PDB file of N, CA and C in Angstrom:
ATOM      1  N   MET A   1     130.624  58.167  71.879  1.00  0.00           N
ATOM      2  CA  MET A   1     132.053  58.036  71.646  1.00  0.00           C
ATOM      3  C   MET A   1     132.627  59.397  71.242  1.00  0.00           C
ATOM      4  N   LEU A   2     133.780  59.700  71.753  1.00  0.00           N
ATOM      5  CA  LEU A   2     134.437  60.967  71.451  1.00  0.00           C
ATOM      6  C   LEU A   2     134.924  60.967  70.005  1.00  0.00           C
ATOM      7  N   ASP A   3     134.516  61.965  69.254  1.00  0.00           N
ATOM      8  CA  ASP A   3     134.954  62.120  67.868  1.00  0.00           C
ATOM      9  C   ASP A   3     136.293  62.837  67.885  1.00  0.00           C
ATOM     10  N   ARG A   4     137.331  62.142  67.592  1.00  0.00           N
ATOM     11  CA  ARG A   4     138.674  62.725  67.674  1.00  0.00           C
ATOM     12  C   ARG A   4     138.973  63.703  66.538  1.00  0.00           C
ATOM     13  N   THR A   5     138.017  63.938  65.648  1.00  0.00           N
ATOM     14  CA  THR A   5     138.215  64.898  64.565  1.00  0.00           C
ATOM     15  C   THR A   5     137.572  66.246  64.873  1.00  0.00           C
ATOM     16  N   MET A   6     137.119  66.447  66.103  1.00  0.00           N
ATOM     17  CA  MET A   6     136.508  67.722  66.460  1.00  0.00           C
ATOM     18  C   MET A   6     137.508  68.851  66.246  1.00  0.00           C
ATOM     19  N   PRO A   7     137.040  69.998  65.731  1.00  0.00           N
ATOM     20  CA  PRO A   7     137.953  71.114  65.476  1.00  0.00           C
ATOM     21  C   PRO A   7     138.273  71.946  66.716  1.00  0.00           C
ATOM     22  N   VAL A   8     137.900  71.467  67.893  1.00  0.00           N
ATOM     23  CA  VAL A   8     138.201  72.170  69.137  1.00  0.00           C
ATOM     24  C   VAL A   8     138.919  71.213  70.077  1.00  0.00           C
ATOM     25  N   PRO A   9     139.750  71.743  70.964  1.00  0.00           N
ATOM     26  CA  PRO A   9     140.411  70.853  71.926  1.00  0.00           C
ATOM     27  C   PRO A   9     139.392  70.314  72.928  1.00  0.00           C
ATOM     28  N   GLY A  10     139.647  69.129  73.441  1.00  0.00           N
ATOM     29  CA  GLY A  10     138.761  68.519  74.427  1.00  0.00           C
ATOM     30  C   GLY A  10     138.525  69.388  75.634  1.00  0.00           C
ATOM     31  N   SER A  11     139.520  70.184  76.010  1.00  0.00           N
ATOM     32  CA  SER A  11     139.381  71.057  77.172  1.00  0.00           C
ATOM     33  C   SER A  11     138.347  72.153  76.947  1.00  0.00           C
ATOM     34  N   ALA A  12     137.946  72.369  75.686  1.00  0.00           N
ATOM     35  CA  ALA A  12     136.938  73.378  75.371  1.00  0.00           C
ATOM     36  C   ALA A  12     135.531  72.787  75.317  1.00  0.00           C
ATOM     37  N   VAL A  13     135.421  71.482  75.604  1.00  0.00           N
ATOM     38  CA  VAL A  13     134.129  70.796  75.544  1.00  0.00           C
ATOM     39  C   VAL A  13     133.599  70.582  76.957  1.00  0.00           C
ATOM     40  N   LEU A  14     132.320  70.849  77.158  1.00  0.00           N
ATOM     41  CA  LEU A  14     131.667  70.581  78.430  1.00  0.00           C
ATOM     42  C   LEU A  14     130.679  69.444  78.219  1.00  0.00           C
ATOM     43  N   HIS A  15     130.917  68.327  78.886  1.00  0.00           N
ATOM     44  CA  HIS A  15     130.000  67.182  78.822  1.00  0.00           C
ATOM     45  C   HIS A  15     129.111  67.237  80.061  1.00  0.00           C
ATOM     46  N   ILE A  16     127.802  67.194  79.849  1.00  0.00           N
ATOM     47  CA  ILE A  16     126.849  67.237  80.952  1.00  0.00           C
ATOM     48  C   ILE A  16     126.079  65.927  80.955  1.00  0.00           C
ATOM     49  N   GLY A  17     126.038  65.269  82.111  1.00  0.00           N
ATOM     50  CA  GLY A  17     125.313  64.013  82.179  1.00  0.00           C
ATOM     51  C   GLY A  17     124.941  63.623  83.590  1.00  0.00           C
ATOM     52  N   ASP A  18     124.150  62.551  83.700  1.00  0.00           N
ATOM     53  CA  ASP A  18     123.637  62.141  85.004  1.00  0.00           C
ATOM     54  C   ASP A  18     124.286  60.872  85.549  1.00  0.00           C
ATOM     55  N   ASN A  19     125.220  60.287  84.824  1.00  0.00           N
ATOM     56  CA  ASN A  19     125.886  59.077  85.277  1.00  0.00           C
ATOM     57  C   ASN A  19     127.293  59.429  85.743  1.00  0.00           C
ATOM     58  N   VAL A  20     127.564  59.193  87.035  1.00  0.00           N
ATOM     59  CA  VAL A  20     128.855  59.603  87.597  1.00  0.00           C
ATOM     60  C   VAL A  20     130.009  58.912  86.892  1.00  0.00           C
ATOM     61  N   GLU A  21     129.922  57.597  86.717  1.00  0.00           N
ATOM     62  CA  GLU A  21     131.055  56.860  86.139  1.00  0.00           C
ATOM     63  C   GLU A  21     131.297  57.234  84.688  1.00  0.00           C
ATOM     64  N   HIS A  22     130.266  57.204  83.871  1.00  0.00           N
ATOM     65  CA  HIS A  22     130.449  57.458  82.440  1.00  0.00           C
ATOM     66  C   HIS A  22     130.472  58.938  82.088  1.00  0.00           C
ATOM     67  N   ASP A  23     129.503  59.673  82.596  1.00  0.00           N
ATOM     68  CA  ASP A  23     129.393  61.082  82.202  1.00  0.00           C
ATOM     69  C   ASP A  23     130.390  61.985  82.901  1.00  0.00           C
ATOM     70  N   LEU A  24     130.721  61.689  84.128  1.00  0.00           N
ATOM     71  CA  LEU A  24     131.652  62.544  84.866  1.00  0.00           C
ATOM     72  C   LEU A  24     133.081  62.024  84.731  1.00  0.00           C
ATOM     73  N   HIS A  25     133.328  60.835  85.264  1.00  0.00           N
ATOM     74  CA  HIS A  25     134.698  60.298  85.249  1.00  0.00           C
ATOM     75  C   HIS A  25     135.170  59.968  83.828  1.00  0.00           C
ATOM     76  N   GLY A  26     134.279  59.418  83.015  1.00  0.00           N
ATOM     77  CA  GLY A  26     134.652  59.073  81.638  1.00  0.00           C
ATOM     78  C   GLY A  26     135.000  60.293  80.812  1.00  0.00           C
ATOM     79  N   ALA A  27     134.198  61.333  80.956  1.00  0.00           N
ATOM     80  CA  ALA A  27     134.475  62.557  80.200  1.00  0.00           C
ATOM     81  C   ALA A  27     135.781  63.190  80.650  1.00  0.00           C
ATOM     82  N   ARG A  28     135.999  63.228  81.956  1.00  0.00           N
ATOM     83  CA  ARG A  28     137.256  63.804  82.461  1.00  0.00           C
ATOM     84  C   ARG A  28     138.460  62.975  82.022  1.00  0.00           C
ATOM     85  N   ALA A  29     138.311  61.654  81.991  1.00  0.00           N
ATOM     86  CA  ALA A  29     139.400  60.789  81.534  1.00  0.00           C
ATOM     87  C   ALA A  29     139.714  61.040  80.060  1.00  0.00           C
ATOM     88  N   ALA A  30     138.711  61.481  79.305  1.00  0.00           N
ATOM     89  CA  ALA A  30     138.902  61.781  77.889  1.00  0.00           C
ATOM     90  C   ALA A  30     139.416  63.201  77.667  1.00  0.00           C
ATOM     91  N   GLY A  31     139.646  63.944  78.759  1.00  0.00           N
ATOM     92  CA  GLY A  31     140.183  65.295  78.647  1.00  0.00           C
ATOM     93  C   GLY A  31     139.131  66.376  78.493  1.00  0.00           C
ATOM     94  N   LEU A  32     137.868  66.032  78.782  1.00  0.00           N
ATOM     95  CA  LEU A  32     136.785  67.005  78.664  1.00  0.00           C
ATOM     96  C   LEU A  32     136.439  67.575  80.034  1.00  0.00           C
ATOM     97  N   GLN A  33     135.864  68.767  80.060  1.00  0.00           N
ATOM     98  CA  GLN A  33     135.281  69.276  81.289  1.00  0.00           C
ATOM     99  C   GLN A  33     133.957  68.543  81.467  1.00  0.00           C
ATOM    100  N   ALA A  34     133.558  68.298  82.704  1.00  0.00           N
ATOM    101  CA  ALA A  34     132.336  67.541  82.923  1.00  0.00           C
ATOM    102  C   ALA A  34     131.533  68.107  84.082  1.00  0.00           C
ATOM    103  N   LEU A  35     130.226  68.027  83.944  1.00  0.00           N
ATOM    104  CA  LEU A  35     129.304  68.466  84.982  1.00  0.00           C
ATOM    105  C   LEU A  35     128.320  67.329  85.230  1.00  0.00           C
ATOM    106  N   HIS A  36     128.234  66.899  86.483  1.00  0.00           N
ATOM    107  CA  HIS A  36     127.299  65.830  86.840  1.00  0.00           C
ATOM    108  C   HIS A  36     125.998  66.455  87.328  1.00  0.00           C
ATOM    109  N   LEU A  37     124.886  66.031  86.738  1.00  0.00           N
ATOM    110  CA  LEU A  37     123.567  66.469  87.180  1.00  0.00           C
ATOM    111  C   LEU A  37     122.904  65.320  87.920  1.00  0.00           C
ATOM    112  N   ASP A  38     122.715  65.486  89.192  1.00  0.00           N
ATOM    113  CA  ASP A  38     122.051  64.484  90.021  1.00  0.00           C
ATOM    114  C   ASP A  38     120.565  64.524  89.696  1.00  0.00           C
ATOM    115  N   ARG A  39     120.006  63.406  89.255  1.00  0.00           N
ATOM    116  CA  ARG A  39     118.605  63.388  88.837  1.00  0.00           C
ATOM    117  C   ARG A  39     117.642  63.239  90.002  1.00  0.00           C
ATOM    118  N   GLY A  40     118.135  63.272  91.225  1.00  0.00           N
ATOM    119  CA  GLY A  40     117.281  63.196  92.398  1.00  0.00           C
ATOM    120  C   GLY A  40     116.713  64.560  92.733  1.00  0.00           C
ATOM    121  N   GLN A  41     116.417  64.772  93.991  1.00  0.00           N
ATOM    122  CA  GLN A  41     115.839  66.034  94.447  1.00  0.00           C
ATOM    123  C   GLN A  41     116.752  67.213  94.132  1.00  0.00           C
ATOM    124  N   ALA A  42     118.055  66.999  94.271  1.00  0.00           N
ATOM    125  CA  ALA A  42     119.005  68.084  93.981  1.00  0.00           C
ATOM    126  C   ALA A  42     118.892  68.519  92.525  1.00  0.00           C
ATOM    127  N   PHE A  43     118.660  67.578  91.618  1.00  0.00           N
ATOM    128  CA  PHE A  43     118.513  67.919  90.200  1.00  0.00           C
ATOM    129  C   PHE A  43     117.276  68.784  89.982  1.00  0.00           C
ATOM    130  N   ALA A  44     116.178  68.401  90.584  1.00  0.00           N
ATOM    131  CA  ALA A  44     114.944  69.170  90.423  1.00  0.00           C
ATOM    132  C   ALA A  44     115.138  70.596  90.906  1.00  0.00           C
ATOM    133  N   GLU A  45     115.833  70.759  92.023  1.00  0.00           N
ATOM    134  CA  GLU A  45     116.056  72.099  92.562  1.00  0.00           C
ATOM    135  C   GLU A  45     117.049  72.890  91.723  1.00  0.00           C
ATOM    136  N   SER A  46     118.158  72.261  91.340  1.00  0.00           N
ATOM    137  CA  SER A  46     119.185  72.997  90.595  1.00  0.00           C
ATOM    138  C   SER A  46     118.749  73.271  89.168  1.00  0.00           C
ATOM    139  N   SER A  47     117.962  72.391  88.551  1.00  0.00           N
ATOM    140  CA  SER A  47     117.543  72.630  87.174  1.00  0.00           C
ATOM    141  C   SER A  47     116.641  73.852  87.074  1.00  0.00           C
ATOM    142  N   GLN A  48     115.955  74.194  88.152  1.00  0.00           N
ATOM    143  CA  GLN A  48     115.134  75.396  88.147  1.00  0.00           C
ATOM    144  C   GLN A  48     116.002  76.653  88.166  1.00  0.00           C
ATOM    145  N   ARG A  49     117.223  76.543  88.690  1.00  0.00           N
ATOM    146  CA  ARG A  49     118.127  77.692  88.767  1.00  0.00           C
ATOM    147  C   ARG A  49     118.948  77.859  87.503  1.00  0.00           C
ATOM    148  N   ILE A  50     119.132  76.790  86.725  1.00  0.00           N
ATOM    149  CA  ILE A  50     119.967  76.844  85.529  1.00  0.00           C
ATOM    150  C   ILE A  50     119.121  77.324  84.354  1.00  0.00           C
ATOM    151  N   THR A  51     119.365  78.533  83.922  1.00  0.00           N
ATOM    152  CA  THR A  51     118.615  79.084  82.803  1.00  0.00           C
ATOM    153  C   THR A  51     119.503  79.361  81.595  1.00  0.00           C
ATOM    154  N   THR A  52     120.821  79.383  81.794  1.00  0.00           N
ATOM    155  CA  THR A  52     121.744  79.632  80.697  1.00  0.00           C
ATOM    156  C   THR A  52     122.981  78.759  80.863  1.00  0.00           C
ATOM    157  N   LEU A  53     123.712  78.587  79.793  1.00  0.00           N
ATOM    158  CA  LEU A  53     124.964  77.848  79.868  1.00  0.00           C
ATOM    159  C   LEU A  53     125.953  78.565  80.778  1.00  0.00           C
ATOM    160  N   ASP A  54     125.893  79.882  80.838  1.00  0.00           N
ATOM    161  CA  ASP A  54     126.764  80.631  81.746  1.00  0.00           C
ATOM    162  C   ASP A  54     126.543  80.208  83.196  1.00  0.00           C
ATOM    163  N   ALA A  55     125.292  79.931  83.562  1.00  0.00           N
ATOM    164  CA  ALA A  55     125.001  79.480  84.920  1.00  0.00           C
ATOM    165  C   ALA A  55     125.634  78.135  85.180  1.00  0.00           C
ATOM    166  N   VAL A  56     125.613  77.249  84.196  1.00  0.00           N
ATOM    167  CA  VAL A  56     126.222  75.931  84.340  1.00  0.00           C
ATOM    168  C   VAL A  56     127.734  76.063  84.498  1.00  0.00           C
ATOM    169  N   LEU A  57     128.345  76.876  83.668  1.00  0.00           N
ATOM    170  CA  LEU A  57     129.793  77.046  83.706  1.00  0.00           C
ATOM    171  C   LEU A  57     130.226  77.637  85.044  1.00  0.00           C
ATOM    172  N   GLY A  58     129.404  78.456  85.643  1.00  0.00           N
ATOM    173  CA  GLY A  58     129.711  79.030  86.936  1.00  0.00           C
ATOM    174  C   GLY A  58     129.694  77.993  88.049  1.00  0.00           C
ATOM    175  N   MET A  59     129.074  76.833  87.808  1.00  0.00           N
ATOM    176  CA  MET A  59     129.001  75.767  88.791  1.00  0.00           C
ATOM    177  C   MET A  59     130.254  74.889  88.776  1.00  0.00           C
ATOM    178  N   LEU A  60     131.087  75.013  87.746  1.00  0.00           N
ATOM    179  CA  LEU A  60     132.275  74.148  87.626  1.00  0.00           C
ATOM    180  C   LEU A  60     133.359  74.557  88.572  1.00  0.00           C
TER     181      LEU A  60
END
């Protein structure tokens, strides 16, 4: 659940998850940036390339 007392705006939060409906669409509906990680073959390949948060942010 989104803690509405966070000291940062929702637009400054990156939610990362593997569920399209909840992690991607739900986070965006709450005003957060969101990144969907496909846990299939694409996840295995992309997770090997992601070594820093900067790499993740570059994927948005």
